N, C-alpha and C. Protein backbone atom coordinates (compact mmCIF):
# COMPACT_ATOMS: atom_id res chain seq x y z
N UNK A 1 9.66 21.18 -8.52
CA UNK A 1 8.55 20.91 -7.65
C UNK A 1 8.38 19.39 -7.46
N UNK A 2 8.52 18.65 -8.58
CA UNK A 2 8.39 17.20 -8.50
C UNK A 2 9.47 16.60 -7.61
N UNK A 3 10.66 17.22 -7.62
CA UNK A 3 11.76 16.73 -6.78
C UNK A 3 11.44 16.85 -5.30
N UNK A 4 10.54 17.74 -4.93
CA UNK A 4 10.14 17.89 -3.54
C UNK A 4 8.94 17.01 -3.19
N UNK A 5 8.04 16.83 -4.14
CA UNK A 5 6.82 16.07 -3.88
C UNK A 5 7.11 14.57 -3.82
N UNK A 6 7.98 14.08 -4.68
CA UNK A 6 8.23 12.65 -4.74
C UNK A 6 8.76 12.07 -3.42
N UNK A 7 9.79 12.66 -2.78
CA UNK A 7 10.22 12.10 -1.49
C UNK A 7 9.13 12.18 -0.43
N UNK A 8 8.35 13.26 -0.44
CA UNK A 8 7.26 13.38 0.54
C UNK A 8 6.20 12.30 0.30
N UNK A 9 5.90 12.01 -0.96
CA UNK A 9 4.93 10.97 -1.27
C UNK A 9 5.43 9.60 -0.81
N UNK A 10 6.70 9.33 -1.01
CA UNK A 10 7.27 8.06 -0.53
C UNK A 10 7.23 7.98 1.00
N UNK A 11 7.52 9.08 1.67
CA UNK A 11 7.49 9.08 3.14
C UNK A 11 6.07 8.84 3.65
N UNK A 12 5.09 9.49 3.04
CA UNK A 12 3.69 9.28 3.44
C UNK A 12 3.30 7.84 3.16
N UNK A 13 3.72 7.31 2.03
CA UNK A 13 3.43 5.92 1.70
C UNK A 13 4.02 4.97 2.74
N UNK A 14 5.24 5.26 3.20
CA UNK A 14 5.87 4.41 4.23
C UNK A 14 5.11 4.51 5.55
N UNK A 15 4.65 5.69 5.90
CA UNK A 15 3.91 5.85 7.16
C UNK A 15 2.54 5.16 7.09
N UNK A 16 1.84 5.30 5.97
CA UNK A 16 0.55 4.61 5.80
C UNK A 16 0.77 3.10 5.81
N UNK A 17 1.83 2.65 5.17
CA UNK A 17 2.16 1.24 5.15
C UNK A 17 2.44 0.71 6.57
N UNK A 18 3.10 1.53 7.37
CA UNK A 18 3.36 1.14 8.77
C UNK A 18 2.05 1.02 9.53
N UNK A 19 1.14 1.96 9.31
CA UNK A 19 -0.16 1.89 9.98
C UNK A 19 -0.91 0.63 9.55
N UNK A 20 -0.84 0.30 8.25
CA UNK A 20 -1.50 -0.91 7.76
C UNK A 20 -0.91 -2.14 8.44
N UNK A 21 0.40 -2.18 8.61
CA UNK A 21 1.03 -3.32 9.29
C UNK A 21 0.53 -3.43 10.72
N UNK A 22 0.53 -2.30 11.43
CA UNK A 22 0.09 -2.33 12.83
C UNK A 22 -1.38 -2.74 12.94
N UNK A 23 -2.19 -2.25 12.04
CA UNK A 23 -3.62 -2.56 12.07
C UNK A 23 -3.91 -3.96 11.57
N UNK A 24 -3.25 -4.38 10.52
CA UNK A 24 -3.51 -5.69 9.92
C UNK A 24 -3.07 -6.82 10.83
N UNK A 25 -2.13 -6.58 11.70
CA UNK A 25 -1.69 -7.64 12.62
C UNK A 25 -2.81 -8.04 13.57
N UNK A 26 -3.79 -7.16 13.77
CA UNK A 26 -4.93 -7.48 14.65
C UNK A 26 -5.94 -8.37 13.94
N UNK A 27 -5.92 -8.40 12.61
CA UNK A 27 -6.94 -9.10 11.84
C UNK A 27 -6.41 -10.28 11.02
N UNK A 28 -5.12 -10.26 10.71
CA UNK A 28 -4.55 -11.28 9.83
C UNK A 28 -3.30 -11.87 10.46
N UNK A 29 -2.86 -13.00 9.90
CA UNK A 29 -1.59 -13.56 10.32
C UNK A 29 -0.47 -12.63 9.89
N UNK A 30 0.70 -12.82 10.50
CA UNK A 30 1.82 -11.92 10.27
C UNK A 30 2.23 -11.84 8.81
N UNK A 31 2.33 -12.96 8.12
CA UNK A 31 2.79 -12.92 6.73
C UNK A 31 1.77 -12.19 5.83
N UNK A 32 0.48 -12.31 6.12
CA UNK A 32 -0.52 -11.56 5.35
C UNK A 32 -0.43 -10.06 5.68
N UNK A 33 -0.20 -9.76 6.94
CA UNK A 33 -0.08 -8.35 7.35
C UNK A 33 1.15 -7.71 6.69
N UNK A 34 2.26 -8.45 6.64
CA UNK A 34 3.46 -7.93 5.97
C UNK A 34 3.23 -7.75 4.47
N UNK A 35 2.52 -8.69 3.86
CA UNK A 35 2.21 -8.56 2.43
C UNK A 35 1.35 -7.33 2.17
N UNK A 36 0.35 -7.10 3.01
CA UNK A 36 -0.49 -5.91 2.86
C UNK A 36 0.33 -4.64 3.06
N UNK A 37 1.23 -4.65 4.04
CA UNK A 37 2.05 -3.47 4.31
C UNK A 37 2.99 -3.18 3.14
N UNK A 38 3.64 -4.20 2.61
CA UNK A 38 4.53 -3.99 1.47
C UNK A 38 3.75 -3.58 0.22
N UNK A 39 2.58 -4.18 0.05
CA UNK A 39 1.74 -3.76 -1.07
C UNK A 39 1.33 -2.30 -0.95
N UNK A 40 1.02 -1.88 0.26
CA UNK A 40 0.66 -0.48 0.49
C UNK A 40 1.86 0.43 0.27
N UNK A 41 3.04 -0.03 0.61
CA UNK A 41 4.25 0.77 0.39
C UNK A 41 4.49 1.02 -1.09
N UNK A 42 4.36 -0.03 -1.90
CA UNK A 42 4.69 0.09 -3.32
C UNK A 42 3.51 0.50 -4.20
N UNK A 43 2.30 0.14 -3.81
CA UNK A 43 1.09 0.47 -4.58
C UNK A 43 0.02 1.05 -3.65
N UNK A 44 0.28 2.20 -3.06
CA UNK A 44 -0.63 2.70 -2.03
C UNK A 44 -2.05 3.00 -2.52
N UNK A 45 -2.21 3.47 -3.74
CA UNK A 45 -3.55 3.83 -4.22
C UNK A 45 -4.37 2.62 -4.64
N UNK A 46 -3.75 1.47 -4.68
CA UNK A 46 -4.48 0.24 -5.02
C UNK A 46 -4.72 -0.60 -3.77
N UNK A 47 -3.67 -0.87 -3.01
CA UNK A 47 -3.76 -1.80 -1.89
C UNK A 47 -4.44 -1.16 -0.67
N UNK A 48 -4.18 0.09 -0.40
CA UNK A 48 -4.77 0.73 0.79
C UNK A 48 -6.30 0.75 0.75
N UNK A 49 -6.93 1.14 -0.36
CA UNK A 49 -8.40 1.06 -0.38
C UNK A 49 -8.92 -0.37 -0.23
N UNK A 50 -8.23 -1.32 -0.83
CA UNK A 50 -8.63 -2.72 -0.66
C UNK A 50 -8.54 -3.12 0.81
N UNK A 51 -7.47 -2.70 1.48
CA UNK A 51 -7.32 -3.01 2.89
C UNK A 51 -8.45 -2.38 3.72
N UNK A 52 -8.81 -1.15 3.39
CA UNK A 52 -9.89 -0.50 4.14
C UNK A 52 -11.21 -1.26 3.98
N UNK A 53 -11.47 -1.77 2.79
CA UNK A 53 -12.69 -2.57 2.57
C UNK A 53 -12.59 -3.87 3.36
N UNK A 54 -11.43 -4.53 3.33
CA UNK A 54 -11.24 -5.76 4.09
C UNK A 54 -11.42 -5.51 5.59
N UNK A 55 -10.98 -4.37 6.04
CA UNK A 55 -11.08 -4.04 7.46
C UNK A 55 -12.54 -3.98 7.93
N UNK A 56 -13.43 -3.55 7.06
CA UNK A 56 -14.84 -3.46 7.45
C UNK A 56 -15.46 -4.83 7.66
N UNK A 57 -15.03 -5.84 6.91
CA UNK A 57 -15.65 -7.15 6.98
C UNK A 57 -14.90 -8.16 7.83
N UNK A 58 -13.68 -7.88 8.14
CA UNK A 58 -12.87 -8.85 8.88
C UNK A 58 -12.78 -8.42 10.35
N UNK A 59 -13.31 -9.22 11.27
CA UNK A 59 -13.23 -8.84 12.70
C UNK A 59 -11.81 -9.04 13.24
N UNK A 60 -11.61 -8.46 14.39
CA UNK A 60 -10.31 -8.67 15.05
C UNK A 60 -10.19 -10.12 15.47
N UNK A 61 -8.95 -10.59 15.50
CA UNK A 61 -8.71 -12.01 15.82
C UNK A 61 -8.72 -12.26 17.33
N UNK A 62 -8.22 -11.37 18.10
CA UNK A 62 -8.18 -11.62 19.52
C UNK A 62 -7.36 -10.58 20.26
N UNK A 63 -6.74 -10.99 21.34
CA UNK A 63 -5.96 -10.04 22.15
C UNK A 63 -4.76 -9.50 21.37
N UNK A 64 -4.19 -8.39 21.83
CA UNK A 64 -3.03 -7.81 21.14
C UNK A 64 -1.88 -8.81 21.02
N UNK A 65 -1.17 -8.71 19.94
CA UNK A 65 -0.06 -9.62 19.66
C UNK A 65 1.20 -9.17 20.37
N UNK A 66 2.16 -10.12 20.44
CA UNK A 66 3.48 -9.77 20.96
C UNK A 66 4.11 -8.76 20.03
N UNK A 67 4.98 -7.96 20.55
CA UNK A 67 5.71 -6.95 19.79
C UNK A 67 4.73 -6.02 19.07
N UNK A 68 3.69 -5.66 19.77
CA UNK A 68 2.62 -4.87 19.17
C UNK A 68 3.13 -3.59 18.52
N UNK A 69 4.04 -2.91 19.19
CA UNK A 69 4.56 -1.65 18.66
C UNK A 69 5.96 -1.81 18.08
N UNK A 70 6.69 -2.79 18.54
CA UNK A 70 8.08 -2.95 18.10
C UNK A 70 8.20 -3.31 16.62
N UNK A 71 7.39 -4.26 16.17
CA UNK A 71 7.48 -4.69 14.78
C UNK A 71 7.09 -3.58 13.81
N UNK A 72 5.97 -2.87 14.02
CA UNK A 72 5.67 -1.75 13.11
C UNK A 72 6.71 -0.63 13.17
N UNK A 73 7.25 -0.38 14.36
CA UNK A 73 8.28 0.64 14.48
C UNK A 73 9.55 0.22 13.73
N UNK A 74 9.94 -1.03 13.86
CA UNK A 74 11.09 -1.55 13.13
C UNK A 74 10.84 -1.47 11.62
N UNK A 75 9.65 -1.84 11.20
CA UNK A 75 9.29 -1.76 9.79
C UNK A 75 9.37 -0.32 9.29
N UNK A 76 8.87 0.64 10.07
CA UNK A 76 8.91 2.06 9.67
C UNK A 76 10.35 2.54 9.54
N UNK A 77 11.19 2.16 10.47
CA UNK A 77 12.60 2.57 10.42
C UNK A 77 13.27 1.99 9.18
N UNK A 78 13.03 0.74 8.89
CA UNK A 78 13.64 0.10 7.72
C UNK A 78 13.11 0.74 6.43
N UNK A 79 11.79 0.94 6.34
CA UNK A 79 11.21 1.52 5.12
C UNK A 79 11.70 2.94 4.90
N UNK A 80 11.68 3.77 5.94
CA UNK A 80 12.12 5.16 5.78
C UNK A 80 13.62 5.24 5.50
N UNK A 81 14.41 4.35 6.10
CA UNK A 81 15.85 4.33 5.83
C UNK A 81 16.13 3.91 4.39
N UNK A 82 15.40 2.92 3.91
CA UNK A 82 15.59 2.48 2.52
C UNK A 82 15.21 3.59 1.54
N UNK A 83 14.11 4.28 1.83
CA UNK A 83 13.68 5.39 0.97
C UNK A 83 14.71 6.51 1.00
N UNK A 84 15.20 6.83 2.19
CA UNK A 84 16.23 7.87 2.32
C UNK A 84 17.50 7.51 1.58
N UNK A 85 17.94 6.26 1.71
CA UNK A 85 19.15 5.82 1.01
C UNK A 85 18.95 5.87 -0.50
N UNK A 86 17.76 5.48 -0.95
CA UNK A 86 17.48 5.53 -2.39
C UNK A 86 17.61 6.95 -2.91
N UNK A 87 16.98 7.91 -2.24
CA UNK A 87 17.03 9.29 -2.72
C UNK A 87 18.43 9.89 -2.57
N UNK A 88 19.16 9.47 -1.54
CA UNK A 88 20.53 9.96 -1.37
C UNK A 88 21.40 9.53 -2.54
N UNK A 89 21.40 8.24 -2.84
CA UNK A 89 22.27 7.73 -3.90
C UNK A 89 21.75 8.10 -5.29
N UNK A 90 20.44 8.16 -5.46
CA UNK A 90 19.89 8.54 -6.76
C UNK A 90 20.20 10.00 -7.09
N UNK A 91 20.22 10.86 -6.10
CA UNK A 91 20.52 12.27 -6.34
C UNK A 91 21.97 12.53 -6.67
N UNK A 92 22.83 11.55 -6.46
CA UNK A 92 24.25 11.71 -6.75
C UNK A 92 24.69 10.87 -7.94
N UNK A 93 23.75 10.35 -8.69
CA UNK A 93 24.09 9.52 -9.84
C UNK A 93 24.42 10.40 -11.05
N UNK A 94 25.03 9.80 -12.03
CA UNK A 94 25.38 10.50 -13.27
C UNK A 94 24.10 11.03 -13.93
N UNK A 95 23.08 10.20 -13.98
CA UNK A 95 21.83 10.61 -14.62
C UNK A 95 21.21 11.82 -13.92
N UNK A 96 21.30 11.86 -12.59
CA UNK A 96 20.74 13.00 -11.86
C UNK A 96 21.51 14.28 -12.19
N UNK A 97 22.83 14.18 -12.27
CA UNK A 97 23.63 15.37 -12.62
C UNK A 97 23.33 15.83 -14.04
N UNK A 98 23.19 14.89 -14.97
CA UNK A 98 22.87 15.26 -16.34
C UNK A 98 21.48 15.87 -16.44
N UNK A 99 20.53 15.35 -15.66
CA UNK A 99 19.18 15.93 -15.67
C UNK A 99 19.19 17.35 -15.13
N UNK A 100 19.95 17.57 -14.03
CA UNK A 100 20.03 18.93 -13.48
C UNK A 100 20.75 19.87 -14.45
N UNK A 101 21.75 19.37 -15.16
CA UNK A 101 22.44 20.20 -16.15
C UNK A 101 21.50 20.57 -17.29
N UNK A 102 20.70 19.63 -17.74
CA UNK A 102 19.73 19.91 -18.81
C UNK A 102 18.70 20.93 -18.34
N UNK A 103 18.22 20.78 -17.11
CA UNK A 103 17.27 21.75 -16.56
C UNK A 103 17.90 23.13 -16.48
N UNK A 104 19.15 23.20 -16.08
CA UNK A 104 19.86 24.48 -16.00
C UNK A 104 20.03 25.09 -17.39
N UNK A 105 20.32 24.26 -18.37
CA UNK A 105 20.44 24.76 -19.75
C UNK A 105 19.13 25.33 -20.24
N UNK A 106 18.02 24.70 -19.87
CA UNK A 106 16.71 25.18 -20.33
C UNK A 106 16.37 26.56 -19.78
N UNK A 107 16.85 26.87 -18.58
CA UNK A 107 16.60 28.19 -18.00
C UNK A 107 17.81 29.11 -18.21
N UNK A 108 18.73 28.67 -19.07
CA UNK A 108 19.91 29.45 -19.44
C UNK A 108 20.80 29.81 -18.25
N UNK A 109 20.98 28.84 -17.36
CA UNK A 109 21.88 29.00 -16.21
C UNK A 109 23.15 28.19 -16.51
N UNK A 110 24.06 28.81 -17.26
CA UNK A 110 25.26 28.10 -17.71
C UNK A 110 26.18 27.70 -16.57
N UNK A 111 26.25 28.51 -15.53
CA UNK A 111 27.13 28.19 -14.40
C UNK A 111 26.72 26.87 -13.74
N UNK A 112 25.42 26.71 -13.50
CA UNK A 112 24.94 25.46 -12.90
C UNK A 112 25.12 24.30 -13.86
N UNK A 113 24.86 24.52 -15.14
CA UNK A 113 25.02 23.45 -16.12
C UNK A 113 26.47 22.97 -16.17
N UNK A 114 27.40 23.90 -16.19
CA UNK A 114 28.83 23.54 -16.22
C UNK A 114 29.20 22.76 -14.96
N UNK A 115 28.73 23.23 -13.81
CA UNK A 115 29.01 22.53 -12.55
C UNK A 115 28.46 21.10 -12.58
N UNK A 116 27.23 20.94 -13.05
CA UNK A 116 26.62 19.60 -13.07
C UNK A 116 27.31 18.68 -14.08
N UNK A 117 27.72 19.22 -15.22
CA UNK A 117 28.46 18.40 -16.18
C UNK A 117 29.79 17.94 -15.59
N UNK A 118 30.46 18.82 -14.87
CA UNK A 118 31.74 18.43 -14.23
C UNK A 118 31.52 17.37 -13.16
N UNK A 119 30.43 17.51 -12.40
CA UNK A 119 30.11 16.49 -11.38
C UNK A 119 29.82 15.14 -12.05
N UNK A 120 29.11 15.17 -13.18
CA UNK A 120 28.83 13.92 -13.90
C UNK A 120 30.12 13.29 -14.42
N UNK A 121 31.05 14.14 -14.88
CA UNK A 121 32.32 13.61 -15.38
C UNK A 121 33.19 13.04 -14.26
N UNK A 122 33.02 13.53 -13.04
CA UNK A 122 33.77 12.94 -11.91
C UNK A 122 33.32 11.51 -11.68
N UNK A 123 32.07 11.22 -11.95
CA UNK A 123 31.54 9.89 -11.69
C UNK A 123 31.71 8.95 -12.88
N UNK A 124 31.64 9.51 -14.11
CA UNK A 124 31.76 8.67 -15.30
C UNK A 124 32.38 9.50 -16.42
N UNK A 125 33.53 9.07 -16.88
CA UNK A 125 34.22 9.76 -17.96
C UNK A 125 33.58 9.37 -19.28
N UNK A 126 32.72 10.25 -19.80
CA UNK A 126 31.95 9.96 -21.00
C UNK A 126 32.22 11.01 -22.07
N UNK A 127 32.57 10.60 -23.30
CA UNK A 127 32.87 11.58 -24.35
C UNK A 127 31.70 12.51 -24.67
N UNK A 128 30.50 11.99 -24.61
CA UNK A 128 29.33 12.83 -24.91
C UNK A 128 29.18 13.94 -23.85
N UNK A 129 29.42 13.60 -22.60
CA UNK A 129 29.35 14.61 -21.54
C UNK A 129 30.45 15.65 -21.72
N UNK A 130 31.63 15.21 -22.17
CA UNK A 130 32.71 16.16 -22.47
C UNK A 130 32.25 17.14 -23.57
N UNK A 131 31.57 16.62 -24.58
CA UNK A 131 31.08 17.48 -25.66
C UNK A 131 30.05 18.48 -25.14
N UNK A 132 29.12 18.01 -24.31
CA UNK A 132 28.10 18.91 -23.75
C UNK A 132 28.75 19.99 -22.89
N UNK A 133 29.75 19.60 -22.10
CA UNK A 133 30.47 20.57 -21.28
C UNK A 133 31.21 21.57 -22.16
N UNK A 134 31.82 21.08 -23.23
CA UNK A 134 32.54 21.98 -24.15
C UNK A 134 31.60 23.00 -24.77
N UNK A 135 30.41 22.58 -25.13
CA UNK A 135 29.43 23.50 -25.72
C UNK A 135 29.07 24.60 -24.72
N UNK A 136 28.81 24.21 -23.48
CA UNK A 136 28.46 25.21 -22.46
C UNK A 136 29.63 26.15 -22.17
N UNK A 137 30.83 25.58 -22.11
CA UNK A 137 32.01 26.43 -21.87
C UNK A 137 32.21 27.42 -23.01
N UNK A 138 32.01 26.96 -24.24
CA UNK A 138 32.15 27.86 -25.40
C UNK A 138 31.08 28.95 -25.37
N UNK A 139 29.88 28.59 -24.94
CA UNK A 139 28.80 29.58 -24.87
C UNK A 139 29.07 30.66 -23.82
N UNK A 140 29.83 30.32 -22.78
CA UNK A 140 30.14 31.30 -21.73
C UNK A 140 31.46 32.01 -22.00
N UNK A 141 32.14 31.67 -23.09
CA UNK A 141 33.37 32.37 -23.45
C UNK A 141 34.64 31.77 -22.87
N UNK A 142 34.55 30.61 -22.27
CA UNK A 142 35.73 29.94 -21.71
C UNK A 142 36.33 29.05 -22.81
N UNK A 143 36.96 29.68 -23.75
CA UNK A 143 37.38 29.03 -24.99
C UNK A 143 38.48 27.99 -24.78
N UNK A 144 39.47 28.30 -23.96
CA UNK A 144 40.57 27.34 -23.77
C UNK A 144 40.07 26.05 -23.12
N UNK A 145 39.19 26.18 -22.11
CA UNK A 145 38.63 24.98 -21.48
C UNK A 145 37.71 24.24 -22.45
N UNK A 146 36.96 24.98 -23.26
CA UNK A 146 36.08 24.35 -24.24
C UNK A 146 36.90 23.56 -25.26
N UNK A 147 38.03 24.14 -25.68
CA UNK A 147 38.90 23.45 -26.64
C UNK A 147 39.40 22.13 -26.06
N UNK A 148 39.81 22.17 -24.79
CA UNK A 148 40.28 20.95 -24.12
C UNK A 148 39.18 19.91 -24.05
N UNK A 149 37.97 20.34 -23.71
CA UNK A 149 36.85 19.39 -23.60
C UNK A 149 36.47 18.82 -24.97
N UNK A 150 36.51 19.65 -26.01
CA UNK A 150 36.23 19.14 -27.36
C UNK A 150 37.27 18.09 -27.75
N UNK A 151 38.55 18.32 -27.40
CA UNK A 151 39.59 17.35 -27.71
C UNK A 151 39.36 16.03 -26.98
N UNK A 152 38.96 16.12 -25.70
CA UNK A 152 38.67 14.90 -24.94
C UNK A 152 37.48 14.15 -25.54
N UNK A 153 36.48 14.92 -25.99
CA UNK A 153 35.31 14.28 -26.62
C UNK A 153 35.71 13.58 -27.91
N UNK A 154 36.55 14.23 -28.71
CA UNK A 154 36.98 13.63 -29.98
C UNK A 154 37.86 12.41 -29.75
N UNK A 155 38.67 12.43 -28.70
CA UNK A 155 39.49 11.26 -28.38
C UNK A 155 38.61 10.06 -28.01
N UNK A 156 37.47 10.34 -27.44
CA UNK A 156 36.53 9.28 -27.08
C UNK A 156 35.62 8.87 -28.22
N UNK A 157 35.75 9.55 -29.37
CA UNK A 157 34.94 9.18 -30.52
C UNK A 157 33.68 10.00 -30.69
N UNK A 158 33.51 11.05 -29.94
CA UNK A 158 32.31 11.90 -30.01
C UNK A 158 32.63 13.15 -30.82
N UNK A 159 31.92 13.34 -31.90
CA UNK A 159 32.12 14.53 -32.74
C UNK A 159 30.80 15.25 -32.91
N UNK A 160 30.89 16.46 -33.42
CA UNK A 160 29.67 17.24 -33.68
C UNK A 160 29.03 16.74 -34.97
N UNK A 161 27.78 16.40 -34.90
CA UNK A 161 27.03 16.02 -36.09
C UNK A 161 26.71 17.27 -36.90
N UNK A 162 26.66 17.18 -38.22
CA UNK A 162 26.33 18.36 -39.03
C UNK A 162 24.95 18.95 -38.72
N UNK A 163 24.04 18.13 -38.26
CA UNK A 163 22.69 18.62 -37.95
C UNK A 163 22.63 19.31 -36.59
N UNK A 164 23.65 19.13 -35.76
CA UNK A 164 23.66 19.73 -34.42
C UNK A 164 24.22 21.15 -34.52
N UNK A 165 23.34 22.10 -34.73
CA UNK A 165 23.77 23.49 -34.95
C UNK A 165 24.42 24.09 -33.71
N UNK A 166 23.92 23.76 -32.56
CA UNK A 166 24.50 24.29 -31.32
C UNK A 166 25.95 23.87 -31.16
N UNK A 167 26.21 22.61 -31.42
CA UNK A 167 27.57 22.08 -31.31
C UNK A 167 28.48 22.71 -32.36
N UNK A 168 27.97 22.81 -33.58
CA UNK A 168 28.77 23.41 -34.65
C UNK A 168 29.10 24.87 -34.34
N UNK A 169 28.13 25.62 -33.81
CA UNK A 169 28.37 27.03 -33.47
C UNK A 169 29.43 27.15 -32.38
N UNK A 170 29.36 26.28 -31.38
CA UNK A 170 30.36 26.30 -30.31
C UNK A 170 31.73 25.92 -30.85
N UNK A 171 31.75 24.95 -31.75
CA UNK A 171 33.03 24.53 -32.35
C UNK A 171 33.66 25.67 -33.16
N UNK A 172 32.84 26.43 -33.86
CA UNK A 172 33.33 27.57 -34.62
C UNK A 172 33.91 28.66 -33.71
N UNK A 173 33.25 28.88 -32.56
CA UNK A 173 33.77 29.86 -31.60
C UNK A 173 35.13 29.45 -31.08
N UNK A 174 35.31 28.15 -30.85
CA UNK A 174 36.60 27.64 -30.36
C UNK A 174 37.66 27.80 -31.45
N UNK A 175 37.31 27.53 -32.68
CA UNK A 175 38.27 27.64 -33.78
C UNK A 175 38.67 29.09 -34.07
N UNK A 176 37.76 30.02 -33.86
CA UNK A 176 38.02 31.43 -34.14
C UNK A 176 39.01 32.04 -33.15
N UNK A 177 38.92 31.64 -31.90
CA UNK A 177 39.80 32.21 -30.86
C UNK A 177 40.82 31.17 -30.46
N UNK A 178 42.04 31.29 -30.94
CA UNK A 178 43.08 30.30 -30.61
C UNK A 178 43.55 30.41 -29.18
């Protein structure tokens, strides 16, 4: 649910920030209007109420400015594009794949967990991720692949700790079935 709300909140923040830029240009110089817009983009619950209070006491400066609609529109395009690029690249990072794999493990969806661990390994060859993948593979009965992943993890220096019962149980399953 949070994965859906967060991008929407950023988009709303960008749109409110654009409105602040368009409105603030009537009352403040351009650099102050841009500062208010950026502040609203990054801290909307703090800067936006302050701007609304300032708007009540600050009269308009004069006739409409040049680029009345172009500058806010350009700002909106840049802000929304930057937000979109952030979520695009963040969703494809190693950390995002590992987080989705952990979430899948919590709901006992081994297929998704295995897929996400493999995607994480495509981006970064990490012995710990090999170990986590080996554990999931052993839990689903894919013993030969689990054995290979355990070997890759051990080559990288990652071993099962004695306190890690899940890892030890998976290792025993791999040892039992040659």
